[in-house]
Amino acid sequence: MAVSFRDARAEDVAALVAMLADDPLGQAREGDDLAPYLAAFDEIAANPMHQLIVGETAGRIVATCQLTILAGLSRQGAKRALVEAVRVVADLRGQRIGEALMAECEARARAAGASVIQLTTDKTRTRAHAFYDRLGYSPSHIGYKKPL
């Protein structure tokens, strides 16, 4: 299946939120009011270090993620890329769309000068773990989160 990737637009937000909500974890975290998502979109779009990416086929949004380029002092001042909120619509999973999305992220990260790409995934997402393993990602660190 041919998927093209582009930067998200404000009119895409409802479709992106639907993808975020379409799993057991997302159902508990996401809401119906688009106002906070649109405000977040505006903030993401205004910062050149953030890229909200969508995958599209036949006019339908079928994938999304957020890529952020971070400057840092470690690794001799290296830039790193952070991938968040990777999603593919449920009825098209298993068709290598996620693989193409991650390849797009890697290409954009390299173009931005990043020397490493990283992500976190929930411990319960065992299918995602197998997916990232297959793509060459290594579970090399332990991640921690704390609600504020």
C-alpha atoms as a PDB file:
ATOM      1  CA  MET A   1       0.000   0.000   0.000  1.00  0.00           C
ATOM      2  CA  ALA A   2       1.422   3.365  -1.034  1.00  0.00           C
ATOM      3  CA  VAL A   3       1.446   5.881   1.786  1.00  0.00           C
ATOM      4  CA  SER A   4       2.713   9.443   1.464  1.00  0.00           C
ATOM      5  CA  PHE A   5       3.920  11.413   4.448  1.00  0.00           C
ATOM      6  CA  ARG A   6       3.513  15.107   5.154  1.00  0.00           C
ATOM      7  CA  ASP A   7       3.343  17.541   8.032  1.00  0.00           C
ATOM      8  CA  ALA A   8      -0.037  17.600   9.763  1.00  0.00           C
ATOM      9  CA  ARG A   9      -2.478  20.436   9.271  1.00  0.00           C
ATOM     10  CA  ALA A  10      -5.053  21.750  11.741  1.00  0.00           C
ATOM     11  CA  GLU A  11      -7.851  20.071   9.799  1.00  0.00           C
ATOM     12  CA  ASP A  12      -6.153  16.691  10.473  1.00  0.00           C
ATOM     13  CA  VAL A  13      -6.406  16.977  14.255  1.00  0.00           C
ATOM     14  CA  ALA A  14      -9.746  15.155  14.645  1.00  0.00           C
ATOM     15  CA  ALA A  15      -8.435  12.146  12.690  1.00  0.00           C
ATOM     16  CA  LEU A  16      -5.213  12.131  14.727  1.00  0.00           C
ATOM     17  CA  VAL A  17      -7.107  12.221  18.019  1.00  0.00           C
ATOM     18  CA  ALA A  18      -9.279   9.342  16.822  1.00  0.00           C
ATOM     19  CA  MET A  19      -6.128   7.273  16.229  1.00  0.00           C
ATOM     20  CA  LEU A  20      -4.744   8.195  19.655  1.00  0.00           C
ATOM     21  CA  ALA A  21      -7.992   7.103  21.304  1.00  0.00           C
ATOM     22  CA  ASP A  22      -8.313   3.838  19.390  1.00  0.00           C
ATOM     23  CA  ASP A  23      -6.762   1.448  21.891  1.00  0.00           C
ATOM     24  CA  PRO A  24      -7.254   0.528  25.558  1.00  0.00           C
ATOM     25  CA  LEU A  25      -4.621   2.992  26.812  1.00  0.00           C
ATOM     26  CA  GLY A  26      -5.800   5.823  24.581  1.00  0.00           C
ATOM     27  CA  GLN A  27      -9.451   5.327  25.471  1.00  0.00           C
ATOM     28  CA  ALA A  28      -8.578   6.178  29.067  1.00  0.00           C
ATOM     29  CA  ARG A  29      -6.415   9.199  28.201  1.00  0.00           C
ATOM     30  CA  GLU A  30      -8.071  10.994  25.298  1.00  0.00           C
ATOM     31  CA  GLY A  31     -11.209  13.131  25.243  1.00  0.00           C
ATOM     32  CA  ASP A  32     -13.890  14.406  22.859  1.00  0.00           C
ATOM     33  CA  ASP A  33     -13.200  18.155  23.164  1.00  0.00           C
ATOM     34  CA  LEU A  34     -10.847  19.105  20.315  1.00  0.00           C
ATOM     35  CA  ALA A  35      -9.946  22.498  21.825  1.00  0.00           C
ATOM     36  CA  PRO A  36      -6.917  21.284  23.846  1.00  0.00           C
ATOM     37  CA  TYR A  37      -5.686  19.249  20.887  1.00  0.00           C
ATOM     38  CA  LEU A  38      -5.954  22.237  18.559  1.00  0.00           C
ATOM     39  CA  ALA A  39      -4.068  24.401  21.062  1.00  0.00           C
ATOM     40  CA  ALA A  40      -1.364  21.735  21.271  1.00  0.00           C
ATOM     41  CA  PHE A  41      -1.264  21.538  17.475  1.00  0.00           C
ATOM     42  CA  ASP A  42      -0.675  25.287  17.252  1.00  0.00           C
ATOM     43  CA  GLU A  43       2.186  25.037  19.735  1.00  0.00           C
ATOM     44  CA  ILE A  44       3.755  22.088  17.897  1.00  0.00           C
ATOM     45  CA  ALA A  45       3.405  23.797  14.517  1.00  0.00           C
ATOM     46  CA  ALA A  46       5.045  26.979  15.838  1.00  0.00           C
ATOM     47  CA  ASN A  47       8.202  25.176  16.985  1.00  0.00           C
ATOM     48  CA  PRO A  48      10.568  24.134  14.182  1.00  0.00           C
ATOM     49  CA  MET A  49      12.041  21.389  16.380  1.00  0.00           C
ATOM     50  CA  HIS A  50       8.680  19.533  16.348  1.00  0.00           C
ATOM     51  CA  GLN A  51       7.198  17.706  13.413  1.00  0.00           C
ATOM     52  CA  LEU A  52       3.722  16.218  13.590  1.00  0.00           C
ATOM     53  CA  ILE A  53       3.734  13.712  10.744  1.00  0.00           C
ATOM     54  CA  VAL A  54       0.756  12.094   9.024  1.00  0.00           C
ATOM     55  CA  GLY A  55       0.644   9.216   6.595  1.00  0.00           C
ATOM     56  CA  GLU A  56      -2.027   9.430   3.949  1.00  0.00           C
ATOM     57  CA  THR A  57      -3.373   7.092   1.303  1.00  0.00           C
ATOM     58  CA  ALA A  58      -6.261   7.793  -1.073  1.00  0.00           C
ATOM     59  CA  GLY A  59      -7.049  10.977   0.882  1.00  0.00           C
ATOM     60  CA  ARG A  60      -7.346   9.098   4.184  1.00  0.00           C
ATOM     61  CA  ILE A  61      -5.052   9.720   7.140  1.00  0.00           C
ATOM     62  CA  VAL A  62      -3.800   6.298   8.180  1.00  0.00           C
ATOM     63  CA  ALA A  63      -0.778   6.973  10.403  1.00  0.00           C
ATOM     64  CA  THR A  64       0.765   9.591  12.641  1.00  0.00           C
ATOM     65  CA  CYS A  65       3.571  10.341  15.057  1.00  0.00           C
ATOM     66  CA  GLN A  66       5.435  13.285  16.500  1.00  0.00           C
ATOM     67  CA  LEU A  67       9.149  13.730  15.859  1.00  0.00           C
ATOM     68  CA  THR A  68      11.089  16.141  18.043  1.00  0.00           C
ATOM     69  CA  ILE A  69      14.727  17.070  17.540  1.00  0.00           C
ATOM     70  CA  LEU A  70      16.533  17.729  20.811  1.00  0.00           C
ATOM     71  CA  ALA A  71      19.854  19.512  21.180  1.00  0.00           C
ATOM     72  CA  GLY A  72      22.009  18.208  23.993  1.00  0.00           C
ATOM     73  CA  LEU A  73      25.412  18.319  25.590  1.00  0.00           C
ATOM     74  CA  SER A  74      25.874  14.553  25.927  1.00  0.00           C
ATOM     75  CA  ARG A  75      27.457  12.536  23.119  1.00  0.00           C
ATOM     76  CA  GLN A  76      29.683  15.505  22.314  1.00  0.00           C
ATOM     77  CA  GLY A  77      26.813  17.913  21.801  1.00  0.00           C
ATOM     78  CA  ALA A  78      24.834  15.538  19.617  1.00  0.00           C
ATOM     79  CA  LYS A  79      21.266  16.080  18.536  1.00  0.00           C
ATOM     80  CA  ARG A  80      18.830  13.282  19.200  1.00  0.00           C
ATOM     81  CA  ALA A  81      15.436  12.566  17.735  1.00  0.00           C
ATOM     82  CA  LEU A  82      12.508  11.602  19.929  1.00  0.00           C
ATOM     83  CA  VAL A  83       9.517   9.786  18.437  1.00  0.00           C
ATOM     84  CA  GLU A  84       6.194   9.904  20.280  1.00  0.00           C
ATOM     85  CA  ALA A  85       2.577   8.835  19.743  1.00  0.00           C
ATOM     86  CA  VAL A  86       3.168   6.412  16.871  1.00  0.00           C
ATOM     87  CA  ARG A  87      -0.168   5.196  15.519  1.00  0.00           C
ATOM     88  CA  VAL A  88      -1.575   3.370  12.501  1.00  0.00           C
ATOM     89  CA  VAL A  89      -5.317   2.992  11.970  1.00  0.00           C
ATOM     90  CA  ALA A  90      -6.527  -0.354  13.296  1.00  0.00           C
ATOM     91  CA  ASP A  91      -7.869  -1.759  10.020  1.00  0.00           C
ATOM     92  CA  LEU A  92      -4.524  -1.261   8.237  1.00  0.00           C
ATOM     93  CA  ARG A  93      -2.092  -2.544  10.871  1.00  0.00           C
ATOM     94  CA  GLY A  94       0.213  -5.294   9.676  1.00  0.00           C
ATOM     95  CA  GLN A  95       0.616  -3.767   6.204  1.00  0.00           C
ATOM     96  CA  ARG A  96       4.032  -2.175   6.850  1.00  0.00           C
ATOM     97  CA  ILE A  97       2.646   1.344   7.190  1.00  0.00           C
ATOM     98  CA  GLY A  98       4.280   1.680  10.619  1.00  0.00           C
ATOM     99  CA  GLU A  99       7.576   0.551   9.138  1.00  0.00           C
ATOM    100  CA  ALA A 100       7.308   3.217   6.442  1.00  0.00           C
ATOM    101  CA  LEU A 101       6.394   5.825   9.076  1.00  0.00           C
ATOM    102  CA  MET A 102       9.455   4.977  11.160  1.00  0.00           C
ATOM    103  CA  ALA A 103      11.660   5.096   8.038  1.00  0.00           C
ATOM    104  CA  GLU A 104      10.253   8.586   7.389  1.00  0.00           C
ATOM    105  CA  CYS A 105      11.120   9.587  10.962  1.00  0.00           C
ATOM    106  CA  GLU A 106      14.651   8.258  10.595  1.00  0.00           C
ATOM    107  CA  ALA A 107      15.166  10.112   7.312  1.00  0.00           C
ATOM    108  CA  ARG A 108      13.865  13.364   8.788  1.00  0.00           C
ATOM    109  CA  ALA A 109      16.006  12.881  11.908  1.00  0.00           C
ATOM    110  CA  ARG A 110      19.145  12.335   9.824  1.00  0.00           C
ATOM    111  CA  ALA A 111      18.321  15.415   7.727  1.00  0.00           C
ATOM    112  CA  ALA A 112      18.044  17.449  10.946  1.00  0.00           C
ATOM    113  CA  GLY A 113      21.491  16.266  12.067  1.00  0.00           C
ATOM    114  CA  ALA A 114      20.406  13.812  14.758  1.00  0.00           C
ATOM    115  CA  SER A 115      22.851  11.022  15.550  1.00  0.00           C
ATOM    116  CA  VAL A 116      20.444   8.826  17.524  1.00  0.00           C
ATOM    117  CA  ILE A 117      16.698   8.231  17.490  1.00  0.00           C
ATOM    118  CA  GLN A 118      14.800   7.107  20.552  1.00  0.00           C
ATOM    119  CA  LEU A 119      11.289   6.381  21.737  1.00  0.00           C
ATOM    120  CA  THR A 120       9.358   4.951  24.632  1.00  0.00           C
ATOM    121  CA  THR A 121       6.500   2.505  24.487  1.00  0.00           C
ATOM    122  CA  ASP A 122       4.223   1.316  27.246  1.00  0.00           C
ATOM    123  CA  LYS A 123       5.262  -1.930  28.920  1.00  0.00           C
ATOM    124  CA  THR A 124       1.923  -3.509  27.997  1.00  0.00           C
ATOM    125  CA  ARG A 125       2.339  -2.920  24.251  1.00  0.00           C
ATOM    126  CA  THR A 126       4.083  -6.217  23.509  1.00  0.00           C
ATOM    127  CA  ARG A 127       3.231  -6.117  19.789  1.00  0.00           C
ATOM    128  CA  ALA A 128       4.865  -2.689  19.587  1.00  0.00           C
ATOM    129  CA  HIS A 129       7.957  -4.058  21.318  1.00  0.00           C
ATOM    130  CA  ALA A 130       8.278  -6.798  18.689  1.00  0.00           C
ATOM    131  CA  PHE A 131       7.748  -4.189  15.950  1.00  0.00           C
ATOM    132  CA  TYR A 132      10.537  -1.917  17.210  1.00  0.00           C
ATOM    133  CA  ASP A 133      12.852  -4.882  17.775  1.00  0.00           C
ATOM    134  CA  ARG A 134      12.296  -5.935  14.148  1.00  0.00           C
ATOM    135  CA  LEU A 135      13.230  -2.423  12.987  1.00  0.00           C
ATOM    136  CA  GLY A 136      16.544  -2.540  14.866  1.00  0.00           C
ATOM    137  CA  TYR A 137      15.623  -0.520  17.936  1.00  0.00           C
ATOM    138  CA  SER A 138      17.157  -1.742  21.159  1.00  0.00           C
ATOM    139  CA  PRO A 139      15.495  -1.642  24.600  1.00  0.00           C
ATOM    140  CA  SER A 140      18.733  -0.239  26.035  1.00  0.00           C
ATOM    141  CA  HIS A 141      17.342   2.015  28.761  1.00  0.00           C
ATOM    142  CA  ILE A 142      14.682   2.035  31.427  1.00  0.00           C
ATOM    143  CA  GLY A 143      12.256   4.932  31.150  1.00  0.00           C
ATOM    144  CA  TYR A 144      10.520   6.651  34.056  1.00  0.00           C
ATOM    145  CA  LYS A 145       7.512   8.929  34.096  1.00  0.00           C
ATOM    146  CA  LYS A 146       5.893  10.929  36.853  1.00  0.00           C
ATOM    147  CA  PRO A 147       2.609  12.792  36.547  1.00  0.00           C
ATOM    148  CA  LEU A 148       2.870  16.508  37.366  1.00  0.00           C
END
